[in-house]
Amino acid sequence: GDAVPEALEAIGCSVQLLDDAFLDAADLPQRLAAFDAVVAGVRAYNTRKRLPFAQQALMEYVAGGGTYVVQYNTNRGLETEDLAPYPLQLSRDRVTVEEAPVQMLAPEHPALSEPNRISAEDFEGWVQERGLYFPDQWDEAFTPLLRSSDPAFGEADAQGQSRFSAEPLDGGLLVARYGEGWYVYTGYSFFRELPAGVPGAFRLFANLISLGAAD
């Protein structure tokens, strides 16, 4: 159900899908070096059993100047807890109201300013939700970029716990330098917004995959 590759191709990106044979290649670090950015699809760390074995090469790719964008994963059933070069803990935190206000926490960060200046207007017209399974703990090496929250109401899940929180959530888009490159973790629902043609989502995602070009 992840149509992000097709959405990126629609705006002129050249996209290559990385299958298990690619991830298993002995020269994986050299192969990854050919890419401007690598994007992990939604729930990739829940479903791709070979991905943990490629993690060291992916981190070497980032350290050498690459950009790695990891989209949301559920916090249960992970193939590895090692999602990032720094400690990062996923939660069930989410912002389900698609009209919920979004605040820029670091408006001058290149992820929010280059090549597109991101503002609250870029979050207009989003569909279904803002995002899901936001991290709730992260290393100080990460910069949280966005803050949002649901209205003050709750709905109990099967365990009797509230799924929604009125507390401001800052973990939906985290960016960190690692070596010469960039690591991005995002729980914002690009996998819904890009296929829906939401302009602001395209503008922000373009910034994320262009972080290396901003150096």
N, C-alpha and C. Protein backbone atom coordinates (compact mmCIF):
# COMPACT_ATOMS: atom_id res chain seq x y z
N GLY A 1 0.79 -1.22 0.00
CA GLY A 1 0.00 0.00 0.00
C GLY A 1 0.82 1.27 0.00
N ASP A 2 2.13 1.17 -0.20
CA ASP A 2 3.01 2.34 -0.17
C ASP A 2 3.24 2.82 -1.60
N ALA A 3 2.58 3.92 -1.96
CA ALA A 3 2.70 4.45 -3.32
C ALA A 3 3.64 5.65 -3.40
N VAL A 4 4.50 5.81 -2.39
CA VAL A 4 5.45 6.92 -2.40
C VAL A 4 6.41 6.84 -3.60
N PRO A 5 6.93 5.66 -3.97
CA PRO A 5 7.83 5.63 -5.14
C PRO A 5 7.19 6.20 -6.39
N GLU A 6 5.94 5.82 -6.66
CA GLU A 6 5.25 6.33 -7.85
C GLU A 6 5.02 7.84 -7.74
N ALA A 7 4.71 8.30 -6.54
CA ALA A 7 4.50 9.75 -6.35
C ALA A 7 5.78 10.52 -6.62
N LEU A 8 6.92 9.99 -6.20
CA LEU A 8 8.20 10.66 -6.44
C LEU A 8 8.55 10.65 -7.92
N GLU A 9 8.26 9.55 -8.59
CA GLU A 9 8.50 9.50 -10.03
C GLU A 9 7.65 10.54 -10.75
N ALA A 10 6.45 10.78 -10.24
CA ALA A 10 5.54 11.73 -10.88
C ALA A 10 6.07 13.15 -10.84
N ILE A 11 6.97 13.46 -9.89
CA ILE A 11 7.55 14.81 -9.84
C ILE A 11 8.97 14.82 -10.38
N GLY A 12 9.35 13.76 -11.10
CA GLY A 12 10.62 13.78 -11.81
C GLY A 12 11.78 13.10 -11.15
N CYS A 13 11.56 12.43 -10.01
CA CYS A 13 12.65 11.71 -9.37
C CYS A 13 12.90 10.39 -10.08
N SER A 14 14.15 9.99 -10.13
CA SER A 14 14.51 8.66 -10.61
C SER A 14 14.55 7.73 -9.41
N VAL A 15 13.69 6.71 -9.41
CA VAL A 15 13.51 5.85 -8.24
C VAL A 15 13.91 4.42 -8.57
N GLN A 16 14.70 3.83 -7.71
CA GLN A 16 15.06 2.41 -7.84
C GLN A 16 14.63 1.70 -6.57
N LEU A 17 13.86 0.62 -6.71
CA LEU A 17 13.46 -0.18 -5.56
C LEU A 17 14.57 -1.15 -5.20
N LEU A 18 14.89 -1.24 -3.91
CA LEU A 18 16.00 -2.07 -3.44
C LEU A 18 15.44 -3.38 -2.90
N ASP A 19 15.62 -4.45 -3.67
CA ASP A 19 15.11 -5.75 -3.26
C ASP A 19 16.13 -6.45 -2.35
N ASP A 20 15.78 -7.66 -1.89
CA ASP A 20 16.66 -8.37 -0.97
C ASP A 20 18.01 -8.69 -1.60
N ALA A 21 18.01 -9.00 -2.89
CA ALA A 21 19.27 -9.30 -3.56
C ALA A 21 20.20 -8.09 -3.53
N PHE A 22 19.63 -6.90 -3.69
CA PHE A 22 20.43 -5.67 -3.61
C PHE A 22 20.99 -5.52 -2.20
N LEU A 23 20.14 -5.71 -1.17
CA LEU A 23 20.58 -5.54 0.21
C LEU A 23 21.62 -6.57 0.62
N ASP A 24 21.60 -7.74 -0.02
CA ASP A 24 22.54 -8.80 0.32
C ASP A 24 23.88 -8.68 -0.41
N ALA A 25 23.99 -7.74 -1.32
CA ALA A 25 25.20 -7.64 -2.14
C ALA A 25 26.43 -7.36 -1.28
N ALA A 26 27.52 -8.03 -1.60
CA ALA A 26 28.76 -7.85 -0.84
C ALA A 26 29.28 -6.43 -0.95
N ASP A 27 29.00 -5.76 -2.08
CA ASP A 27 29.47 -4.39 -2.28
C ASP A 27 28.36 -3.38 -2.01
N LEU A 28 27.47 -3.68 -1.05
CA LEU A 28 26.33 -2.79 -0.76
C LEU A 28 26.76 -1.35 -0.46
N PRO A 29 27.79 -1.11 0.35
CA PRO A 29 28.18 0.29 0.60
C PRO A 29 28.49 1.05 -0.69
N GLN A 30 29.17 0.41 -1.61
CA GLN A 30 29.50 1.08 -2.87
C GLN A 30 28.24 1.31 -3.71
N ARG A 31 27.33 0.37 -3.70
CA ARG A 31 26.08 0.53 -4.45
C ARG A 31 25.24 1.67 -3.89
N LEU A 32 25.16 1.76 -2.57
CA LEU A 32 24.36 2.83 -1.95
C LEU A 32 24.94 4.21 -2.26
N ALA A 33 26.24 4.28 -2.40
CA ALA A 33 26.91 5.57 -2.63
C ALA A 33 26.45 6.24 -3.92
N ALA A 34 25.82 5.49 -4.80
CA ALA A 34 25.36 6.06 -6.07
C ALA A 34 24.09 6.89 -5.91
N PHE A 35 23.42 6.80 -4.75
CA PHE A 35 22.13 7.46 -4.57
C PHE A 35 22.26 8.79 -3.84
N ASP A 36 21.47 9.77 -4.29
CA ASP A 36 21.38 11.05 -3.57
C ASP A 36 20.67 10.87 -2.23
N ALA A 37 19.69 9.97 -2.18
CA ALA A 37 18.95 9.69 -0.95
C ALA A 37 18.43 8.27 -1.01
N VAL A 38 18.27 7.68 0.15
CA VAL A 38 17.63 6.37 0.29
C VAL A 38 16.42 6.56 1.20
N VAL A 39 15.29 5.99 0.81
CA VAL A 39 14.05 6.12 1.57
C VAL A 39 13.58 4.73 1.99
N ALA A 40 13.33 4.55 3.28
CA ALA A 40 12.73 3.30 3.77
C ALA A 40 11.22 3.45 3.72
N GLY A 41 10.56 2.52 3.06
CA GLY A 41 9.11 2.57 2.93
C GLY A 41 8.42 2.39 4.27
N VAL A 42 7.11 2.63 4.30
CA VAL A 42 6.36 2.51 5.55
C VAL A 42 6.46 1.08 6.08
N ARG A 43 6.72 0.98 7.37
CA ARG A 43 6.84 -0.29 8.10
C ARG A 43 7.96 -1.18 7.56
N ALA A 44 8.94 -0.60 6.91
CA ALA A 44 10.03 -1.41 6.36
C ALA A 44 10.73 -2.22 7.44
N TYR A 45 10.91 -1.61 8.62
CA TYR A 45 11.61 -2.32 9.69
C TYR A 45 10.69 -3.31 10.42
N ASN A 46 9.42 -3.31 10.07
CA ASN A 46 8.51 -4.34 10.56
C ASN A 46 8.44 -5.55 9.62
N THR A 47 8.77 -5.33 8.34
CA THR A 47 8.45 -6.35 7.33
C THR A 47 9.64 -6.87 6.53
N ARG A 48 10.71 -6.08 6.40
CA ARG A 48 11.85 -6.50 5.58
C ARG A 48 12.89 -7.20 6.46
N LYS A 49 12.88 -8.52 6.45
CA LYS A 49 13.73 -9.30 7.34
C LYS A 49 15.21 -9.13 7.03
N ARG A 50 15.54 -8.75 5.80
CA ARG A 50 16.95 -8.57 5.44
C ARG A 50 17.46 -7.18 5.81
N LEU A 51 16.56 -6.27 6.12
CA LEU A 51 16.97 -4.89 6.36
C LEU A 51 17.94 -4.75 7.53
N PRO A 52 17.75 -5.44 8.66
CA PRO A 52 18.74 -5.29 9.75
C PRO A 52 20.15 -5.65 9.34
N PHE A 53 20.31 -6.60 8.40
CA PHE A 53 21.63 -7.00 7.97
C PHE A 53 22.29 -5.94 7.08
N ALA A 54 21.46 -5.03 6.55
CA ALA A 54 21.98 -3.94 5.72
C ALA A 54 22.18 -2.66 6.52
N GLN A 55 21.80 -2.69 7.81
CA GLN A 55 21.80 -1.45 8.59
C GLN A 55 23.17 -0.83 8.70
N GLN A 56 24.21 -1.64 8.92
CA GLN A 56 25.55 -1.06 9.04
C GLN A 56 25.95 -0.36 7.75
N ALA A 57 25.66 -0.97 6.61
CA ALA A 57 26.00 -0.34 5.33
C ALA A 57 25.20 0.95 5.14
N LEU A 58 23.94 0.95 5.57
CA LEU A 58 23.12 2.16 5.45
C LEU A 58 23.69 3.29 6.32
N MET A 59 24.14 2.96 7.52
CA MET A 59 24.72 3.98 8.39
C MET A 59 26.06 4.47 7.83
N GLU A 60 26.83 3.57 7.18
CA GLU A 60 28.06 4.00 6.52
C GLU A 60 27.74 4.95 5.37
N TYR A 61 26.65 4.65 4.68
CA TYR A 61 26.20 5.52 3.58
C TYR A 61 25.89 6.92 4.10
N VAL A 62 25.19 7.00 5.23
CA VAL A 62 24.88 8.30 5.82
C VAL A 62 26.16 9.00 6.26
N ALA A 63 27.01 8.28 6.98
CA ALA A 63 28.23 8.89 7.48
C ALA A 63 29.11 9.44 6.36
N GLY A 64 29.01 8.81 5.19
CA GLY A 64 29.81 9.27 4.05
C GLY A 64 29.19 10.41 3.28
N GLY A 65 28.03 10.89 3.73
CA GLY A 65 27.41 12.04 3.07
C GLY A 65 26.04 11.78 2.50
N GLY A 66 25.49 10.59 2.70
CA GLY A 66 24.18 10.26 2.16
C GLY A 66 23.04 10.76 3.03
N THR A 67 21.85 10.69 2.49
CA THR A 67 20.63 11.07 3.21
C THR A 67 19.72 9.85 3.28
N TYR A 68 19.31 9.48 4.49
CA TYR A 68 18.47 8.30 4.70
C TYR A 68 17.20 8.76 5.40
N VAL A 69 16.06 8.59 4.72
CA VAL A 69 14.76 8.99 5.25
C VAL A 69 13.98 7.73 5.61
N VAL A 70 13.66 7.57 6.88
CA VAL A 70 12.93 6.40 7.36
C VAL A 70 11.50 6.82 7.69
N GLN A 71 10.53 6.23 6.99
CA GLN A 71 9.12 6.51 7.26
C GLN A 71 8.63 5.64 8.41
N TYR A 72 7.39 5.86 8.81
CA TYR A 72 6.90 5.31 10.07
C TYR A 72 6.96 3.78 10.12
N ASN A 73 7.20 3.29 11.35
CA ASN A 73 7.12 1.88 11.68
C ASN A 73 6.28 1.74 12.94
N THR A 74 5.63 0.59 13.11
CA THR A 74 4.92 0.34 14.35
C THR A 74 5.94 -0.05 15.42
N ASN A 75 5.61 0.24 16.66
CA ASN A 75 6.57 -0.04 17.73
C ASN A 75 6.54 -1.48 18.20
N ARG A 76 5.68 -2.29 17.61
CA ARG A 76 5.65 -3.72 17.91
C ARG A 76 6.01 -4.49 16.64
N GLY A 77 6.72 -5.60 16.84
CA GLY A 77 7.06 -6.44 15.70
C GLY A 77 8.18 -5.91 14.84
N LEU A 78 9.08 -5.11 15.43
CA LEU A 78 10.23 -4.62 14.69
C LEU A 78 11.23 -5.74 14.45
N GLU A 79 11.82 -5.76 13.26
CA GLU A 79 12.87 -6.73 12.97
C GLU A 79 14.16 -6.38 13.71
N THR A 80 14.31 -5.12 14.07
CA THR A 80 15.46 -4.66 14.85
C THR A 80 15.06 -3.39 15.58
N GLU A 81 15.62 -3.20 16.76
CA GLU A 81 15.42 -1.95 17.50
C GLU A 81 16.39 -0.88 17.03
N ASP A 82 17.37 -1.29 16.21
CA ASP A 82 18.42 -0.38 15.74
C ASP A 82 17.97 0.34 14.48
N LEU A 83 17.10 1.31 14.63
CA LEU A 83 16.55 2.01 13.46
C LEU A 83 17.43 3.16 13.01
N ALA A 84 18.24 3.67 13.92
CA ALA A 84 18.92 4.95 13.68
C ALA A 84 20.34 4.89 14.21
N PRO A 85 21.17 5.86 13.84
CA PRO A 85 22.54 5.88 14.36
C PRO A 85 22.61 6.31 15.82
N TYR A 86 21.52 6.84 16.35
CA TYR A 86 21.43 7.27 17.74
C TYR A 86 20.18 6.66 18.37
N PRO A 87 20.12 6.59 19.71
CA PRO A 87 18.94 6.01 20.35
C PRO A 87 17.64 6.72 19.95
N LEU A 88 16.63 5.89 19.68
CA LEU A 88 15.33 6.38 19.21
C LEU A 88 14.28 5.37 19.64
N GLN A 89 13.25 5.81 20.34
CA GLN A 89 12.21 4.90 20.82
C GLN A 89 10.86 5.28 20.23
N LEU A 90 10.24 4.32 19.55
CA LEU A 90 8.93 4.54 18.97
C LEU A 90 7.84 4.39 20.02
N SER A 91 6.70 5.05 19.79
CA SER A 91 5.56 4.95 20.69
C SER A 91 4.30 4.78 19.85
N ARG A 92 3.15 4.82 20.51
CA ARG A 92 1.87 4.80 19.81
C ARG A 92 1.32 6.22 19.64
N ASP A 93 2.11 7.23 19.96
CA ASP A 93 1.67 8.62 19.83
C ASP A 93 1.31 8.93 18.38
N ARG A 94 0.22 9.65 18.20
CA ARG A 94 -0.20 10.01 16.85
C ARG A 94 -1.03 11.29 16.91
N VAL A 95 -1.15 11.93 15.76
CA VAL A 95 -2.05 13.07 15.61
C VAL A 95 -3.03 12.67 14.51
N THR A 96 -4.25 12.41 14.90
CA THR A 96 -5.21 11.82 13.97
C THR A 96 -6.07 12.84 13.24
N VAL A 97 -6.14 14.05 13.78
CA VAL A 97 -6.98 15.09 13.17
C VAL A 97 -6.15 15.79 12.10
N GLU A 98 -6.57 15.63 10.85
CA GLU A 98 -5.75 16.15 9.75
C GLU A 98 -5.68 17.67 9.72
N GLU A 99 -6.63 18.35 10.39
CA GLU A 99 -6.58 19.81 10.43
C GLU A 99 -5.82 20.34 11.64
N ALA A 100 -5.25 19.48 12.46
CA ALA A 100 -4.55 19.92 13.66
C ALA A 100 -3.44 20.90 13.29
N PRO A 101 -3.33 22.02 14.01
CA PRO A 101 -2.27 22.99 13.71
C PRO A 101 -0.88 22.36 13.84
N VAL A 102 0.04 22.83 13.00
CA VAL A 102 1.42 22.35 13.03
C VAL A 102 2.34 23.56 13.23
N GLN A 103 3.22 23.45 14.21
CA GLN A 103 4.16 24.53 14.53
C GLN A 103 5.56 24.15 14.07
N MET A 104 6.25 25.10 13.44
CA MET A 104 7.64 24.88 13.05
C MET A 104 8.54 25.14 14.26
N LEU A 105 9.27 24.13 14.71
CA LEU A 105 10.13 24.30 15.87
C LEU A 105 11.51 24.84 15.51
N ALA A 106 11.95 24.59 14.29
CA ALA A 106 13.27 25.06 13.83
C ALA A 106 13.12 25.55 12.40
N PRO A 107 12.44 26.68 12.20
CA PRO A 107 12.08 27.11 10.85
C PRO A 107 13.26 27.35 9.92
N GLU A 108 14.45 27.61 10.46
CA GLU A 108 15.61 27.86 9.61
C GLU A 108 16.39 26.59 9.29
N HIS A 109 15.99 25.47 9.85
CA HIS A 109 16.66 24.21 9.53
C HIS A 109 16.49 23.95 8.04
N PRO A 110 17.53 23.43 7.36
CA PRO A 110 17.40 23.21 5.91
C PRO A 110 16.24 22.31 5.53
N ALA A 111 15.82 21.40 6.41
CA ALA A 111 14.69 20.54 6.10
C ALA A 111 13.39 21.32 5.98
N LEU A 112 13.35 22.52 6.59
CA LEU A 112 12.16 23.35 6.53
C LEU A 112 12.36 24.61 5.69
N SER A 113 13.53 24.75 5.10
CA SER A 113 13.79 26.01 4.38
C SER A 113 14.43 25.86 3.01
N GLU A 114 14.95 24.67 2.67
CA GLU A 114 15.66 24.52 1.40
C GLU A 114 15.24 23.21 0.70
N PRO A 115 14.89 23.22 -0.53
CA PRO A 115 14.72 24.39 -1.39
C PRO A 115 13.38 25.12 -1.18
N ASN A 116 12.50 24.52 -0.36
CA ASN A 116 11.17 25.11 -0.15
C ASN A 116 11.04 25.64 1.27
N ARG A 117 10.54 26.85 1.41
CA ARG A 117 10.27 27.42 2.73
C ARG A 117 8.93 26.85 3.22
N ILE A 118 8.98 26.03 4.26
CA ILE A 118 7.80 25.35 4.76
C ILE A 118 7.11 26.21 5.82
N SER A 119 5.78 26.31 5.73
CA SER A 119 4.99 27.07 6.69
C SER A 119 3.73 26.28 7.02
N ALA A 120 2.91 26.83 7.90
CA ALA A 120 1.66 26.16 8.28
C ALA A 120 0.77 25.91 7.07
N GLU A 121 0.88 26.74 6.04
CA GLU A 121 0.05 26.56 4.85
C GLU A 121 0.33 25.24 4.15
N ASP A 122 1.54 24.71 4.31
CA ASP A 122 1.88 23.45 3.67
C ASP A 122 1.18 22.25 4.30
N PHE A 123 0.53 22.47 5.42
CA PHE A 123 -0.22 21.39 6.08
C PHE A 123 -1.72 21.52 5.87
N GLU A 124 -2.11 22.37 4.94
CA GLU A 124 -3.51 22.47 4.56
C GLU A 124 -3.85 21.40 3.54
N GLY A 125 -5.04 20.85 3.64
CA GLY A 125 -5.49 19.86 2.67
C GLY A 125 -4.99 18.46 2.92
N TRP A 126 -4.36 18.20 4.08
CA TRP A 126 -3.90 16.85 4.38
C TRP A 126 -5.11 15.93 4.56
N VAL A 127 -4.91 14.65 4.31
CA VAL A 127 -6.02 13.70 4.38
C VAL A 127 -5.79 12.69 5.50
N GLN A 128 -6.84 12.32 6.15
CA GLN A 128 -6.96 11.23 7.12
C GLN A 128 -6.26 11.49 8.45
N GLU A 129 -5.04 12.00 8.45
CA GLU A 129 -4.32 12.19 9.71
C GLU A 129 -3.06 13.00 9.46
N ARG A 130 -2.47 13.49 10.55
CA ARG A 130 -1.15 14.11 10.44
C ARG A 130 -0.05 13.05 10.43
N GLY A 131 -0.12 12.13 11.39
CA GLY A 131 0.91 11.11 11.46
C GLY A 131 0.66 10.15 12.59
N LEU A 132 1.54 9.14 12.69
CA LEU A 132 1.29 8.03 13.61
C LEU A 132 2.59 7.38 14.06
N TYR A 133 2.50 6.74 15.22
CA TYR A 133 3.65 6.05 15.82
C TYR A 133 4.87 6.97 15.90
N PHE A 134 4.64 8.17 16.43
CA PHE A 134 5.75 9.10 16.62
C PHE A 134 6.71 8.56 17.69
N PRO A 135 8.01 8.77 17.53
CA PRO A 135 8.92 8.51 18.65
C PRO A 135 8.56 9.40 19.85
N ASP A 136 8.75 8.85 21.03
CA ASP A 136 8.52 9.65 22.24
C ASP A 136 9.80 9.86 23.04
N GLN A 137 10.89 9.19 22.65
CA GLN A 137 12.20 9.44 23.25
C GLN A 137 13.24 9.39 22.14
N TRP A 138 14.21 10.30 22.21
CA TRP A 138 15.26 10.32 21.20
C TRP A 138 16.50 10.99 21.75
N ASP A 139 17.62 10.65 21.14
CA ASP A 139 18.91 11.20 21.54
C ASP A 139 18.96 12.70 21.24
N GLU A 140 19.78 13.40 22.00
CA GLU A 140 19.90 14.85 21.81
C GLU A 140 20.53 15.21 20.46
N ALA A 141 21.09 14.22 19.76
CA ALA A 141 21.63 14.50 18.42
C ALA A 141 20.52 14.83 17.43
N PHE A 142 19.29 14.41 17.73
CA PHE A 142 18.16 14.70 16.85
C PHE A 142 17.62 16.10 17.09
N THR A 143 17.19 16.73 16.01
CA THR A 143 16.47 18.00 16.09
C THR A 143 15.00 17.74 15.75
N PRO A 144 14.08 17.97 16.70
CA PRO A 144 12.66 17.87 16.36
C PRO A 144 12.24 19.11 15.58
N LEU A 145 11.52 18.91 14.48
CA LEU A 145 11.21 20.03 13.58
C LEU A 145 9.78 20.50 13.65
N LEU A 146 8.84 19.64 14.03
CA LEU A 146 7.42 19.99 13.99
C LEU A 146 6.75 19.63 15.30
N ARG A 147 5.75 20.42 15.66
CA ARG A 147 4.93 20.15 16.86
C ARG A 147 3.46 20.19 16.46
N SER A 148 2.72 19.19 16.91
CA SER A 148 1.29 19.17 16.64
C SER A 148 0.61 18.34 17.72
N SER A 149 -0.70 18.46 17.82
CA SER A 149 -1.45 17.66 18.80
C SER A 149 -2.90 17.58 18.38
N ASP A 150 -3.54 16.51 18.82
CA ASP A 150 -4.98 16.38 18.61
C ASP A 150 -5.73 17.30 19.56
N PRO A 151 -6.99 17.60 19.27
CA PRO A 151 -7.83 18.30 20.25
C PRO A 151 -7.92 17.48 21.53
N ALA A 152 -8.41 18.10 22.58
CA ALA A 152 -8.43 17.46 23.90
C ALA A 152 -9.57 16.46 24.01
N PHE A 153 -9.40 15.32 23.38
CA PHE A 153 -10.36 14.22 23.56
C PHE A 153 -9.59 12.92 23.42
N GLY A 154 -10.18 11.85 23.89
CA GLY A 154 -9.51 10.56 23.84
C GLY A 154 -10.47 9.45 23.47
N GLU A 155 -9.89 8.37 22.96
CA GLU A 155 -10.66 7.18 22.62
C GLU A 155 -9.84 5.99 23.06
N ALA A 156 -10.43 5.12 23.88
CA ALA A 156 -9.69 4.01 24.43
C ALA A 156 -9.41 2.94 23.39
N ASP A 157 -8.20 2.39 23.44
CA ASP A 157 -7.88 1.27 22.57
C ASP A 157 -8.28 -0.03 23.27
N ALA A 158 -7.87 -1.17 22.72
CA ALA A 158 -8.28 -2.46 23.26
C ALA A 158 -7.76 -2.68 24.67
N GLN A 159 -6.67 -2.02 25.03
CA GLN A 159 -6.10 -2.15 26.38
C GLN A 159 -6.66 -1.11 27.35
N GLY A 160 -7.62 -0.32 26.88
CA GLY A 160 -8.22 0.70 27.73
C GLY A 160 -7.42 1.96 27.85
N GLN A 161 -6.38 2.11 27.01
CA GLN A 161 -5.55 3.30 27.04
C GLN A 161 -5.96 4.26 25.94
N SER A 162 -5.81 5.55 26.19
CA SER A 162 -6.19 6.55 25.20
C SER A 162 -5.22 6.51 24.02
N ARG A 163 -5.75 6.49 22.81
CA ARG A 163 -4.93 6.51 21.60
C ARG A 163 -4.54 7.93 21.24
N PHE A 164 -5.31 8.90 21.68
CA PHE A 164 -5.10 10.27 21.25
C PHE A 164 -4.67 11.11 22.44
N SER A 165 -3.84 12.07 22.20
CA SER A 165 -3.35 12.92 23.27
C SER A 165 -3.47 14.38 22.88
N ALA A 166 -3.87 15.20 23.84
CA ALA A 166 -3.90 16.63 23.60
C ALA A 166 -2.54 17.27 23.89
N GLU A 167 -1.60 16.47 24.40
CA GLU A 167 -0.27 16.98 24.67
C GLU A 167 0.46 17.27 23.36
N PRO A 168 1.22 18.35 23.31
CA PRO A 168 2.00 18.63 22.09
C PRO A 168 2.99 17.50 21.83
N LEU A 169 3.04 17.05 20.60
CA LEU A 169 3.94 15.96 20.20
C LEU A 169 5.01 16.52 19.27
N ASP A 170 6.27 16.33 19.65
CA ASP A 170 7.40 16.87 18.89
C ASP A 170 8.16 15.81 18.11
N GLY A 171 7.76 14.53 18.24
CA GLY A 171 8.57 13.47 17.68
C GLY A 171 8.23 13.04 16.28
N GLY A 172 7.32 13.75 15.62
CA GLY A 172 6.86 13.29 14.31
C GLY A 172 7.85 13.47 13.17
N LEU A 173 8.80 14.39 13.32
CA LEU A 173 9.81 14.60 12.29
C LEU A 173 11.12 14.96 12.99
N LEU A 174 12.04 14.00 13.00
CA LEU A 174 13.33 14.15 13.67
C LEU A 174 14.45 14.05 12.64
N VAL A 175 15.41 14.95 12.75
CA VAL A 175 16.53 14.99 11.80
C VAL A 175 17.83 15.06 12.58
N ALA A 176 18.82 14.29 12.14
CA ALA A 176 20.12 14.31 12.81
C ALA A 176 21.25 14.26 11.79
N ARG A 177 22.31 14.94 12.11
CA ARG A 177 23.56 14.78 11.38
C ARG A 177 24.22 13.51 11.87
N TYR A 178 24.79 12.75 10.94
CA TYR A 178 25.60 11.60 11.31
C TYR A 178 26.76 11.56 10.34
N GLY A 179 27.95 11.83 10.84
CA GLY A 179 29.08 11.98 9.96
C GLY A 179 28.86 13.14 9.01
N GLU A 180 29.01 12.89 7.72
CA GLU A 180 28.83 13.93 6.72
C GLU A 180 27.41 13.98 6.16
N GLY A 181 26.54 13.08 6.63
CA GLY A 181 25.22 12.97 6.03
C GLY A 181 24.08 13.27 6.99
N TRP A 182 22.88 12.89 6.57
CA TRP A 182 21.65 13.19 7.30
C TRP A 182 20.82 11.93 7.50
N TYR A 183 20.30 11.77 8.71
CA TYR A 183 19.33 10.73 9.01
C TYR A 183 18.02 11.40 9.39
N VAL A 184 16.93 10.94 8.79
CA VAL A 184 15.60 11.51 9.04
C VAL A 184 14.66 10.39 9.47
N TYR A 185 13.92 10.62 10.55
CA TYR A 185 12.82 9.72 10.91
C TYR A 185 11.53 10.53 10.90
N THR A 186 10.54 10.03 10.17
CA THR A 186 9.28 10.76 10.11
C THR A 186 8.08 9.84 10.31
N GLY A 187 7.23 10.21 11.24
CA GLY A 187 5.95 9.55 11.43
C GLY A 187 4.83 10.27 10.71
N TYR A 188 5.13 11.43 10.10
CA TYR A 188 4.09 12.14 9.35
C TYR A 188 3.69 11.30 8.14
N SER A 189 2.42 11.37 7.79
CA SER A 189 1.83 10.37 6.88
C SER A 189 2.03 10.73 5.41
N PHE A 190 3.28 10.83 4.99
CA PHE A 190 3.58 11.09 3.58
C PHE A 190 3.01 9.99 2.68
N PHE A 191 2.92 8.77 3.20
CA PHE A 191 2.41 7.67 2.39
C PHE A 191 0.93 7.84 2.06
N ARG A 192 0.23 8.70 2.80
CA ARG A 192 -1.15 9.06 2.44
C ARG A 192 -1.19 10.35 1.62
N GLU A 193 -0.34 11.29 1.99
CA GLU A 193 -0.44 12.64 1.41
C GLU A 193 0.10 12.71 -0.01
N LEU A 194 1.22 12.03 -0.29
CA LEU A 194 1.79 12.12 -1.63
C LEU A 194 0.87 11.50 -2.68
N PRO A 195 0.33 10.29 -2.47
CA PRO A 195 -0.61 9.76 -3.46
C PRO A 195 -1.86 10.61 -3.61
N ALA A 196 -2.22 11.35 -2.53
CA ALA A 196 -3.40 12.22 -2.60
C ALA A 196 -3.09 13.55 -3.28
N GLY A 197 -1.81 13.78 -3.61
CA GLY A 197 -1.45 15.00 -4.33
C GLY A 197 -1.42 16.24 -3.48
N VAL A 198 -1.15 16.12 -2.18
CA VAL A 198 -1.12 17.28 -1.28
C VAL A 198 0.16 18.09 -1.56
N PRO A 199 0.03 19.33 -2.05
CA PRO A 199 1.22 20.08 -2.46
C PRO A 199 2.25 20.27 -1.35
N GLY A 200 1.79 20.63 -0.14
CA GLY A 200 2.72 20.89 0.94
C GLY A 200 3.51 19.66 1.34
N ALA A 201 2.88 18.49 1.25
CA ALA A 201 3.59 17.25 1.57
C ALA A 201 4.69 16.99 0.56
N PHE A 202 4.43 17.26 -0.71
CA PHE A 202 5.48 17.12 -1.72
C PHE A 202 6.62 18.10 -1.45
N ARG A 203 6.29 19.33 -1.08
CA ARG A 203 7.32 20.34 -0.84
C ARG A 203 8.22 19.93 0.33
N LEU A 204 7.60 19.43 1.39
CA LEU A 204 8.38 19.03 2.56
C LEU A 204 9.20 17.77 2.27
N PHE A 205 8.61 16.79 1.61
CA PHE A 205 9.35 15.56 1.32
C PHE A 205 10.52 15.86 0.38
N ALA A 206 10.31 16.77 -0.57
CA ALA A 206 11.40 17.18 -1.46
C ALA A 206 12.56 17.77 -0.66
N ASN A 207 12.24 18.55 0.37
CA ASN A 207 13.29 19.09 1.23
C ASN A 207 14.07 17.98 1.93
N LEU A 208 13.34 16.97 2.42
CA LEU A 208 13.99 15.89 3.18
C LEU A 208 14.97 15.12 2.30
N ILE A 209 14.55 14.74 1.11
CA ILE A 209 15.44 13.95 0.25
C ILE A 209 16.52 14.81 -0.40
N SER A 210 16.41 16.14 -0.24
CA SER A 210 17.42 17.06 -0.80
C SER A 210 18.39 17.58 0.25
N LEU A 211 18.35 17.04 1.47
CA LEU A 211 19.19 17.58 2.53
C LEU A 211 20.66 17.57 2.17
N GLY A 212 21.11 16.53 1.48
CA GLY A 212 22.52 16.46 1.09
C GLY A 212 22.90 17.58 0.14
N ALA A 213 21.95 18.00 -0.70
CA ALA A 213 22.22 19.07 -1.65
C ALA A 213 22.32 20.42 -0.97
N ALA A 214 21.77 20.51 0.27
CA ALA A 214 21.79 21.78 0.99
C ALA A 214 23.14 22.04 1.65
N ASP A 215 23.99 21.02 1.70
CA ASP A 215 25.31 21.19 2.37
C ASP A 215 26.23 22.07 1.52
